[in-house]
Amino acid sequence: MSGPRRRFWGRYCVMDDFDDAMFSFALRETYPDVVFIRGGILFESPDYGAAETIPECSQSGVDIWFPRKGWEPIFFPHPEYPDRYEVINPPQLYLHYNRTHWFFESAVGERKWVFSLPMPEQGRISSGRWIWDDEKKEFRSAIIRIIGRLTTNRLKDWFERNQAVSVKNARRRNTWAGYHVLDWCRGGPRRMIDGRFRPCDDWQPKYSSWYRRIKEKVVERFGDEYGGPRRFKPRPMTPFPVLRT
């Protein structure tokens, strides 16, 4: 007889650096010990090089760890790559975040697009594969609430471009767009989210007192002009060691 099923959870999202910084400070307000690190890598030293916010990881893939009080990482040389280290006791609660990618040009030359360039393409926030006990369900609900206060999934489709679409009547999409990147999108008639979506005609961001408080932290750290199109500039890394056989 099979045991409980392990499942993933994920949410597609489009968020620029400002939105990601908002998400970072919102997470830290709820989880003070949250850790932001470059995702999917082995470490060059016994130090995971945590960043203060998601954008400061300078990476398209970010791991977000939620350690328990008093947790300390245990580093161990990787058995196949002894010049690299891994954390053998990662926290039980975590998120994988493949961040929004900005499409600046086609690799096969110039093309005509229905949208103007650059264009932000969707990323994905996910967790699991887990057996979803009460703690993990509560964690998932908390993350969903935070994302919901920074984004909206009521978006206008490109095929509705000749219609007036209100937020009230807009369909709920499978993509959640951050307020800041949506505000950027309103700055040009052919700017689109994920090559398809635009803000609804009457959309206005919900700047609650909570949102304004988090925004002040972002502006204090990065300035008013932060966000918008961005090309990733990965941190330089030393050559990867040759696999020992």
C-alpha atoms as a PDB file:
ATOM      1  CA  MET A   1       0.000   0.000   0.000  1.00  0.00           C
ATOM      2  CA  SER A   2       1.429   3.360  -1.034  1.00  0.00           C
ATOM      3  CA  GLY A   3       2.006   6.118   1.545  1.00  0.00           C
ATOM      4  CA  PRO A   4       0.991   9.784   1.413  1.00  0.00           C
ATOM      5  CA  ARG A   5       1.616  11.405  -1.949  1.00  0.00           C
ATOM      6  CA  ARG A   6       4.376  13.997  -2.311  1.00  0.00           C
ATOM      7  CA  ARG A   7       3.331  17.094  -4.208  1.00  0.00           C
ATOM      8  CA  PHE A   8       4.828  20.298  -5.524  1.00  0.00           C
ATOM      9  CA  TRP A   9       3.312  23.754  -5.200  1.00  0.00           C
ATOM     10  CA  GLY A  10       4.069  26.605  -7.581  1.00  0.00           C
ATOM     11  CA  ARG A  11       2.930  30.003  -8.791  1.00  0.00           C
ATOM     12  CA  TYR A  12       3.825  31.670 -12.088  1.00  0.00           C
ATOM     13  CA  CYS A  13       4.699  35.319 -11.673  1.00  0.00           C
ATOM     14  CA  VAL A  14       6.143  38.325 -13.503  1.00  0.00           C
ATOM     15  CA  MET A  15       8.017  40.685 -11.182  1.00  0.00           C
ATOM     16  CA  ASP A  16      10.807  43.171 -11.808  1.00  0.00           C
ATOM     17  CA  ASP A  17      13.633  43.906  -9.372  1.00  0.00           C
ATOM     18  CA  PHE A  18      11.505  46.374  -7.413  1.00  0.00           C
ATOM     19  CA  ASP A  19       8.757  43.772  -6.991  1.00  0.00           C
ATOM     20  CA  ASP A  20      11.352  41.177  -5.981  1.00  0.00           C
ATOM     21  CA  ALA A  21      12.767  43.567  -3.387  1.00  0.00           C
ATOM     22  CA  MET A  22       9.221  44.131  -2.088  1.00  0.00           C
ATOM     23  CA  PHE A  23       8.777  40.362  -1.862  1.00  0.00           C
ATOM     24  CA  SER A  24      12.094  40.075   0.004  1.00  0.00           C
ATOM     25  CA  PHE A  25      11.230  42.640   2.676  1.00  0.00           C
ATOM     26  CA  ALA A  26       7.700  41.256   3.004  1.00  0.00           C
ATOM     27  CA  LEU A  27       9.114  37.772   3.607  1.00  0.00           C
ATOM     28  CA  ARG A  28      11.602  39.090   6.148  1.00  0.00           C
ATOM     29  CA  GLU A  29       8.823  40.868   8.030  1.00  0.00           C
ATOM     30  CA  THR A  30       7.006  37.541   8.466  1.00  0.00           C
ATOM     31  CA  TYR A  31      10.100  35.323   8.671  1.00  0.00           C
ATOM     32  CA  PRO A  32      12.949  37.385  10.228  1.00  0.00           C
ATOM     33  CA  ASP A  33      15.529  34.616   9.695  1.00  0.00           C
ATOM     34  CA  VAL A  34      14.812  34.109   5.974  1.00  0.00           C
ATOM     35  CA  VAL A  35      17.919  33.410   3.849  1.00  0.00           C
ATOM     36  CA  PHE A  36      18.332  34.397   0.169  1.00  0.00           C
ATOM     37  CA  ILE A  37      21.046  32.544  -1.742  1.00  0.00           C
ATOM     38  CA  ARG A  38      21.948  31.795  -5.342  1.00  0.00           C
ATOM     39  CA  GLY A  39      20.033  28.694  -6.358  1.00  0.00           C
ATOM     40  CA  GLY A  40      21.185  25.307  -7.561  1.00  0.00           C
ATOM     41  CA  ILE A  41      24.893  25.666  -6.910  1.00  0.00           C
ATOM     42  CA  LEU A  42      27.659  24.105  -4.890  1.00  0.00           C
ATOM     43  CA  PHE A  43      29.491  26.568  -2.692  1.00  0.00           C
ATOM     44  CA  GLU A  44      33.110  27.527  -3.254  1.00  0.00           C
ATOM     45  CA  SER A  45      33.736  27.792   0.498  1.00  0.00           C
ATOM     46  CA  PRO A  46      31.892  26.875   3.730  1.00  0.00           C
ATOM     47  CA  ASP A  47      29.757  30.000   3.352  1.00  0.00           C
ATOM     48  CA  TYR A  48      26.547  30.275   1.354  1.00  0.00           C
ATOM     49  CA  GLY A  49      26.960  34.032   0.818  1.00  0.00           C
ATOM     50  CA  ALA A  50      23.438  35.067   1.791  1.00  0.00           C
ATOM     51  CA  ALA A  51      22.125  38.316   0.284  1.00  0.00           C
ATOM     52  CA  GLU A  52      19.893  40.870   1.956  1.00  0.00           C
ATOM     53  CA  THR A  53      17.285  40.674  -0.832  1.00  0.00           C
ATOM     54  CA  ILE A  54      16.427  38.527  -3.837  1.00  0.00           C
ATOM     55  CA  PRO A  55      17.782  40.971  -6.470  1.00  0.00           C
ATOM     56  CA  GLU A  56      21.117  41.163  -4.659  1.00  0.00           C
ATOM     57  CA  CYS A  57      21.654  37.465  -5.304  1.00  0.00           C
ATOM     58  CA  SER A  58      22.539  38.562  -8.877  1.00  0.00           C
ATOM     59  CA  GLN A  59      21.150  35.326 -10.223  1.00  0.00           C
ATOM     60  CA  SER A  60      18.124  34.213 -12.214  1.00  0.00           C
ATOM     61  CA  GLY A  61      17.629  31.280  -9.834  1.00  0.00           C
ATOM     62  CA  VAL A  62      17.336  31.957  -6.110  1.00  0.00           C
ATOM     63  CA  ASP A  63      16.797  29.589  -3.195  1.00  0.00           C
ATOM     64  CA  ILE A  64      14.890  31.022  -0.254  1.00  0.00           C
ATOM     65  CA  TRP A  65      15.375  29.183   3.028  1.00  0.00           C
ATOM     66  CA  PHE A  66      13.260  29.524   6.164  1.00  0.00           C
ATOM     67  CA  PRO A  67      15.369  28.072   8.993  1.00  0.00           C
ATOM     68  CA  ARG A  68      14.110  27.349  12.471  1.00  0.00           C
ATOM     69  CA  LYS A  69      15.389  29.390  15.398  1.00  0.00           C
ATOM     70  CA  GLY A  70      18.955  28.438  16.227  1.00  0.00           C
ATOM     71  CA  TRP A  71      19.610  26.631  12.934  1.00  0.00           C
ATOM     72  CA  GLU A  72      23.242  26.595  11.777  1.00  0.00           C
ATOM     73  CA  PRO A  73      24.355  25.226   8.393  1.00  0.00           C
ATOM     74  CA  ILE A  74      26.661  22.213   8.274  1.00  0.00           C
ATOM     75  CA  PHE A  75      28.955  22.312   5.241  1.00  0.00           C
ATOM     76  CA  PHE A  76      30.499  19.180   3.827  1.00  0.00           C
ATOM     77  CA  PRO A  77      32.789  18.695   0.799  1.00  0.00           C
ATOM     78  CA  HIS A  78      30.855  17.275  -2.104  1.00  0.00           C
ATOM     79  CA  PRO A  79      31.820  13.580  -2.591  1.00  0.00           C
ATOM     80  CA  GLU A  80      32.425  14.035  -6.328  1.00  0.00           C
ATOM     81  CA  TYR A  81      33.653  17.647  -6.285  1.00  0.00           C
ATOM     82  CA  PRO A  82      35.828  17.963  -3.151  1.00  0.00           C
ATOM     83  CA  ASP A  83      36.662  21.586  -3.966  1.00  0.00           C
ATOM     84  CA  ARG A  84      32.991  22.484  -3.566  1.00  0.00           C
ATOM     85  CA  TYR A  85      30.749  22.369  -0.509  1.00  0.00           C
ATOM     86  CA  GLU A  86      27.116  21.551   0.094  1.00  0.00           C
ATOM     87  CA  VAL A  87      24.842  22.178   3.054  1.00  0.00           C
ATOM     88  CA  ILE A  88      23.828  18.769   4.363  1.00  0.00           C
ATOM     89  CA  ASN A  89      21.145  20.075   6.755  1.00  0.00           C
ATOM     90  CA  PRO A  90      19.094  22.558   4.683  1.00  0.00           C
ATOM     91  CA  PRO A  91      15.925  23.938   6.327  1.00  0.00           C
ATOM     92  CA  GLN A  92      12.751  21.931   5.850  1.00  0.00           C
ATOM     93  CA  LEU A  93      10.837  24.973   4.586  1.00  0.00           C
ATOM     94  CA  TYR A  94      12.087  26.611   1.412  1.00  0.00           C
ATOM     95  CA  LEU A  95      11.150  28.157  -1.913  1.00  0.00           C
ATOM     96  CA  HIS A  96      12.788  27.840  -5.305  1.00  0.00           C
ATOM     97  CA  TYR A  97      12.454  31.032  -7.316  1.00  0.00           C
ATOM     98  CA  ASN A  98      13.177  31.177 -11.044  1.00  0.00           C
ATOM     99  CA  ARG A  99      12.959  34.913 -11.535  1.00  0.00           C
ATOM    100  CA  THR A 100      11.447  36.957 -14.359  1.00  0.00           C
ATOM    101  CA  HIS A 101      13.607  37.040 -17.477  1.00  0.00           C
ATOM    102  CA  TRP A 102      13.617  40.128 -19.705  1.00  0.00           C
ATOM    103  CA  PHE A 103      13.485  39.379 -23.414  1.00  0.00           C
ATOM    104  CA  PHE A 104      15.588  42.009 -25.225  1.00  0.00           C
ATOM    105  CA  GLU A 105      16.151  40.447 -28.636  1.00  0.00           C
ATOM    106  CA  SER A 106      15.797  37.239 -30.590  1.00  0.00           C
ATOM    107  CA  ALA A 107      18.801  34.965 -30.934  1.00  0.00           C
ATOM    108  CA  VAL A 108      17.936  34.453 -34.625  1.00  0.00           C
ATOM    109  CA  GLY A 109      17.921  38.110 -35.636  1.00  0.00           C
ATOM    110  CA  GLU A 110      15.325  40.855 -35.896  1.00  0.00           C
ATOM    111  CA  ARG A 111      11.672  39.875 -35.771  1.00  0.00           C
ATOM    112  CA  LYS A 112       8.394  41.727 -35.643  1.00  0.00           C
ATOM    113  CA  TRP A 113       6.547  41.277 -32.371  1.00  0.00           C
ATOM    114  CA  VAL A 114       3.096  42.335 -31.216  1.00  0.00           C
ATOM    115  CA  PHE A 115       4.819  43.673 -28.105  1.00  0.00           C
ATOM    116  CA  SER A 116       7.617  46.185 -27.763  1.00  0.00           C
ATOM    117  CA  LEU A 117      11.005  45.187 -26.415  1.00  0.00           C
ATOM    118  CA  PRO A 118      12.191  44.558 -23.794  1.00  0.00           C
ATOM    119  CA  MET A 119       9.438  42.261 -22.525  1.00  0.00           C
ATOM    120  CA  PRO A 120       9.310  40.516 -19.138  1.00  0.00           C
ATOM    121  CA  GLU A 121       8.667  36.770 -19.263  1.00  0.00           C
ATOM    122  CA  GLN A 122       7.139  34.823 -16.417  1.00  0.00           C
ATOM    123  CA  GLY A 123       9.122  33.213 -13.640  1.00  0.00           C
ATOM    124  CA  ARG A 124       8.021  30.665 -11.074  1.00  0.00           C
ATOM    125  CA  ILE A 125       7.983  30.402  -7.300  1.00  0.00           C
ATOM    126  CA  SER A 126       7.721  26.815  -6.076  1.00  0.00           C
ATOM    127  CA  SER A 127       8.243  24.492  -3.146  1.00  0.00           C
ATOM    128  CA  GLY A 128       8.176  20.775  -2.492  1.00  0.00           C
ATOM    129  CA  ARG A 129       8.156  17.883  -3.381  1.00  0.00           C
ATOM    130  CA  TRP A 130       6.613  17.395   0.045  1.00  0.00           C
ATOM    131  CA  ILE A 131       4.084  15.468   2.045  1.00  0.00           C
ATOM    132  CA  TRP A 132       1.918  18.417   2.992  1.00  0.00           C
ATOM    133  CA  ASP A 133       1.514  18.328   6.752  1.00  0.00           C
ATOM    134  CA  ASP A 134      -0.140  21.157   8.685  1.00  0.00           C
ATOM    135  CA  GLU A 135       3.087  23.144   9.040  1.00  0.00           C
ATOM    136  CA  LYS A 136       3.782  23.102   5.318  1.00  0.00           C
ATOM    137  CA  LYS A 137       0.174  23.970   4.482  1.00  0.00           C
ATOM    138  CA  GLU A 138       0.341  26.943   6.842  1.00  0.00           C
ATOM    139  CA  PHE A 139       3.630  27.998   5.246  1.00  0.00           C
ATOM    140  CA  ARG A 140       2.145  27.758   1.750  1.00  0.00           C
ATOM    141  CA  SER A 141      -0.864  29.829   2.796  1.00  0.00           C
ATOM    142  CA  ALA A 142       1.397  32.527   4.255  1.00  0.00           C
ATOM    143  CA  ILE A 143       3.421  32.723   1.015  1.00  0.00           C
ATOM    144  CA  ILE A 144       0.250  32.912  -1.077  1.00  0.00           C
ATOM    145  CA  ARG A 145      -1.053  35.773   1.079  1.00  0.00           C
ATOM    146  CA  ILE A 146       2.191  37.722   0.711  1.00  0.00           C
ATOM    147  CA  ILE A 147       2.300  37.259  -3.068  1.00  0.00           C
ATOM    148  CA  GLY A 148      -1.368  38.249  -3.285  1.00  0.00           C
ATOM    149  CA  ARG A 149      -0.653  41.589  -1.574  1.00  0.00           C
ATOM    150  CA  LEU A 150       2.090  42.444  -4.083  1.00  0.00           C
ATOM    151  CA  THR A 151       0.555  41.197  -7.337  1.00  0.00           C
ATOM    152  CA  THR A 152      -2.661  40.704  -9.285  1.00  0.00           C
ATOM    153  CA  ASN A 153      -3.781  37.994 -11.679  1.00  0.00           C
ATOM    154  CA  ARG A 154      -6.662  39.998 -13.164  1.00  0.00           C
ATOM    155  CA  LEU A 155      -5.028  40.956 -16.444  1.00  0.00           C
ATOM    156  CA  LYS A 156      -6.089  42.107 -19.884  1.00  0.00           C
ATOM    157  CA  ASP A 157      -5.292  39.734 -22.733  1.00  0.00           C
ATOM    158  CA  TRP A 158      -3.730  40.909 -26.014  1.00  0.00           C
ATOM    159  CA  PHE A 159      -6.782  39.539 -27.854  1.00  0.00           C
ATOM    160  CA  GLU A 160      -8.908  42.012 -25.859  1.00  0.00           C
ATOM    161  CA  ARG A 161      -6.815  44.994 -26.979  1.00  0.00           C
ATOM    162  CA  ASN A 162      -9.728  46.645 -28.784  1.00  0.00           C
ATOM    163  CA  GLN A 163     -12.048  46.271 -25.809  1.00  0.00           C
ATOM    164  CA  ALA A 164     -12.320  48.121 -22.516  1.00  0.00           C
ATOM    165  CA  VAL A 165     -11.623  45.561 -19.795  1.00  0.00           C
ATOM    166  CA  SER A 166     -12.182  46.462 -16.142  1.00  0.00           C
ATOM    167  CA  VAL A 167     -10.552  44.731 -13.224  1.00  0.00           C
ATOM    168  CA  LYS A 168     -13.957  43.582 -12.039  1.00  0.00           C
ATOM    169  CA  ASN A 169     -14.692  41.812 -15.339  1.00  0.00           C
ATOM    170  CA  ALA A 170     -11.191  40.573 -16.129  1.00  0.00           C
ATOM    171  CA  ARG A 171     -10.477  36.871 -16.038  1.00  0.00           C
ATOM    172  CA  ARG A 172      -8.213  35.484 -13.344  1.00  0.00           C
ATOM    173  CA  ARG A 173      -5.058  34.290 -15.053  1.00  0.00           C
ATOM    174  CA  ASN A 174      -2.496  31.675 -14.128  1.00  0.00           C
ATOM    175  CA  THR A 175       0.150  34.436 -14.044  1.00  0.00           C
ATOM    176  CA  TRP A 176       0.507  36.925 -11.179  1.00  0.00           C
ATOM    177  CA  ALA A 177       2.059  40.277 -12.080  1.00  0.00           C
ATOM    178  CA  GLY A 178       3.750  42.603  -9.597  1.00  0.00           C
ATOM    179  CA  TYR A 179       2.406  46.121  -9.135  1.00  0.00           C
ATOM    180  CA  HIS A 180       5.680  47.773 -10.110  1.00  0.00           C
ATOM    181  CA  VAL A 181       6.147  45.863 -13.358  1.00  0.00           C
ATOM    182  CA  LEU A 182       2.491  46.505 -14.245  1.00  0.00           C
ATOM    183  CA  ASP A 183       3.027  50.208 -13.666  1.00  0.00           C
ATOM    184  CA  TRP A 184       6.038  50.011 -15.997  1.00  0.00           C
ATOM    185  CA  CYS A 185       3.820  48.248 -18.528  1.00  0.00           C
ATOM    186  CA  ARG A 186       1.414  51.205 -18.568  1.00  0.00           C
ATOM    187  CA  GLY A 187       4.260  53.414 -19.825  1.00  0.00           C
ATOM    188  CA  GLY A 188       3.903  52.242 -23.447  1.00  0.00           C
ATOM    189  CA  PRO A 189       0.972  51.073 -25.598  1.00  0.00           C
ATOM    190  CA  ARG A 190       2.741  47.878 -26.740  1.00  0.00           C
ATOM    191  CA  ARG A 191       4.446  46.940 -23.495  1.00  0.00           C
ATOM    192  CA  MET A 192       3.235  43.529 -22.384  1.00  0.00           C
ATOM    193  CA  ILE A 193       3.647  41.013 -19.597  1.00  0.00           C
ATOM    194  CA  ASP A 194       4.844  37.600 -20.788  1.00  0.00           C
ATOM    195  CA  GLY A 195       4.150  38.593 -24.400  1.00  0.00           C
ATOM    196  CA  ARG A 196       0.405  38.588 -23.863  1.00  0.00           C
ATOM    197  CA  PHE A 197      -0.972  40.524 -20.893  1.00  0.00           C
ATOM    198  CA  ARG A 198      -1.444  44.178 -19.986  1.00  0.00           C
ATOM    199  CA  PRO A 199      -3.008  45.917 -16.982  1.00  0.00           C
ATOM    200  CA  CYS A 200      -6.773  46.294 -17.082  1.00  0.00           C
ATOM    201  CA  ASP A 201      -7.974  49.687 -18.304  1.00  0.00           C
ATOM    202  CA  ASP A 202      -9.074  50.839 -14.857  1.00  0.00           C
ATOM    203  CA  TRP A 203      -6.333  49.077 -12.883  1.00  0.00           C
ATOM    204  CA  GLN A 204      -4.784  50.962  -9.996  1.00  0.00           C
ATOM    205  CA  PRO A 205      -2.324  49.384  -7.545  1.00  0.00           C
ATOM    206  CA  LYS A 206      -3.633  48.772  -4.037  1.00  0.00           C
ATOM    207  CA  TYR A 207      -1.182  50.854  -2.037  1.00  0.00           C
ATOM    208  CA  SER A 208      -2.252  49.770   1.427  1.00  0.00           C
ATOM    209  CA  SER A 209      -0.451  51.060   4.510  1.00  0.00           C
ATOM    210  CA  TRP A 210       1.371  47.706   4.591  1.00  0.00           C
ATOM    211  CA  TYR A 211       2.480  48.081   0.962  1.00  0.00           C
ATOM    212  CA  ARG A 212       3.663  51.652   1.529  1.00  0.00           C
ATOM    213  CA  ARG A 213       5.658  50.588   4.576  1.00  0.00           C
ATOM    214  CA  ILE A 214       7.435  47.847   2.621  1.00  0.00           C
ATOM    215  CA  LYS A 215       7.955  50.213  -0.316  1.00  0.00           C
ATOM    216  CA  GLU A 216       9.721  52.717   1.943  1.00  0.00           C
ATOM    217  CA  LYS A 217      12.281  50.032   2.806  1.00  0.00           C
ATOM    218  CA  VAL A 218      12.881  49.286  -0.874  1.00  0.00           C
ATOM    219  CA  VAL A 219      13.269  52.966  -1.777  1.00  0.00           C
ATOM    220  CA  GLU A 220      15.583  53.530   1.169  1.00  0.00           C
ATOM    221  CA  ARG A 221      17.859  50.713   0.019  1.00  0.00           C
ATOM    222  CA  PHE A 222      17.690  51.065  -3.776  1.00  0.00           C
ATOM    223  CA  GLY A 223      16.172  54.466  -4.625  1.00  0.00           C
ATOM    224  CA  ASP A 224      13.019  55.650  -6.415  1.00  0.00           C
ATOM    225  CA  GLU A 225      14.163  54.684  -9.924  1.00  0.00           C
ATOM    226  CA  TYR A 226      14.861  51.049  -9.086  1.00  0.00           C
ATOM    227  CA  GLY A 227      13.220  48.310 -11.153  1.00  0.00           C
ATOM    228  CA  GLY A 228      12.217  47.932 -14.781  1.00  0.00           C
ATOM    229  CA  PRO A 229      14.155  46.108 -17.517  1.00  0.00           C
ATOM    230  CA  ARG A 230      17.321  44.364 -16.405  1.00  0.00           C
ATOM    231  CA  ARG A 231      19.981  42.100 -17.861  1.00  0.00           C
ATOM    232  CA  PHE A 232      21.440  39.629 -15.406  1.00  0.00           C
ATOM    233  CA  LYS A 233      25.113  40.105 -14.633  1.00  0.00           C
ATOM    234  CA  PRO A 234      26.058  36.903 -12.788  1.00  0.00           C
ATOM    235  CA  ARG A 235      28.758  36.984 -10.168  1.00  0.00           C
ATOM    236  CA  PRO A 236      32.108  35.705 -11.477  1.00  0.00           C
ATOM    237  CA  MET A 237      32.872  32.151 -10.429  1.00  0.00           C
ATOM    238  CA  THR A 238      36.115  30.207 -10.371  1.00  0.00           C
ATOM    239  CA  PRO A 239      36.356  27.301 -12.862  1.00  0.00           C
ATOM    240  CA  PHE A 240      34.495  24.210 -11.797  1.00  0.00           C
ATOM    241  CA  PRO A 241      36.809  21.355 -10.710  1.00  0.00           C
ATOM    242  CA  VAL A 242      37.318  18.324 -12.897  1.00  0.00           C
ATOM    243  CA  LEU A 243      35.234  15.350 -11.822  1.00  0.00           C
ATOM    244  CA  ARG A 244      37.378  12.752 -10.102  1.00  0.00           C
ATOM    245  CA  THR A 245      36.818   9.175 -11.216  1.00  0.00           C
END
